[in-house]
Amino acid sequence: MSESLLWYATRGAGIVSLVLLTGVVCLGILTSVRWQRRGWPRFLTAQLHQSISWLSLVFLGIHIVVAVVDPYTSLGLAAMVPFASGYRTIWLGLGAVALYLVLAIIGTSLVRGWLGHRAWRIVHWLTYAAWPIALIHGIGTGSDTSAIWAWVLNGACVIAVLAASAWRVGFADSTQTEISRALPALERD
């Protein structure tokens, strides 16, 4: 396999993984408030979140394996140890940290029934660290970071997550307001 093919495969798989991870984060935010699209069965949003999570993990695996075997950077298994590689140490290290956070999130999701909802939810909050760390890894180590299409793609990912988060906060505020309005009426009865 040629070095340029490996380079394109690494970049492509990393970019696809980031886009999918962005979708996972946005769907996770939506499922946290039990949002669902009209006409969809209740489980569909959660199932879509889970399916895209697995697909993101596949592309992340491809990204890592191809990067490790690519002779250009000579990363080797040091790529899997945070901040151990001599190649773009900080940026690659952040990628390894994001990887382990994602693995913790997925691993605890697999044993959620045994672990308990509270512990699972606490670990699942790591997503709010894993996603921006993965984004920063891509920006710092990506060879196309200065390209307009990369700025647009990264910006779209950031806007999507910020919009979903803002919607979530607004949803929580509106739910809290509805509860606050209902409490005095309940207290009178």
Foldseek 3Di string as FASTA:
>chain_A
DDLVVLVCLLLVLLLLLLVLLLVLLLLVLCVVVQDDDPPDPSCVSVVVSVVSLVVSVVSLVSNVVSVQPRPPQVQHCVLLAQQRGPQLRPLSNLQNVLVVLSCQLVVCVVVPVVVDVVVSVVSVVCSVVSSVSSLSSCCSRPPCNVPPVNVVSSVVSVVSNVVSVVVSVVVVVVVVVVVVVVVVVVVVD
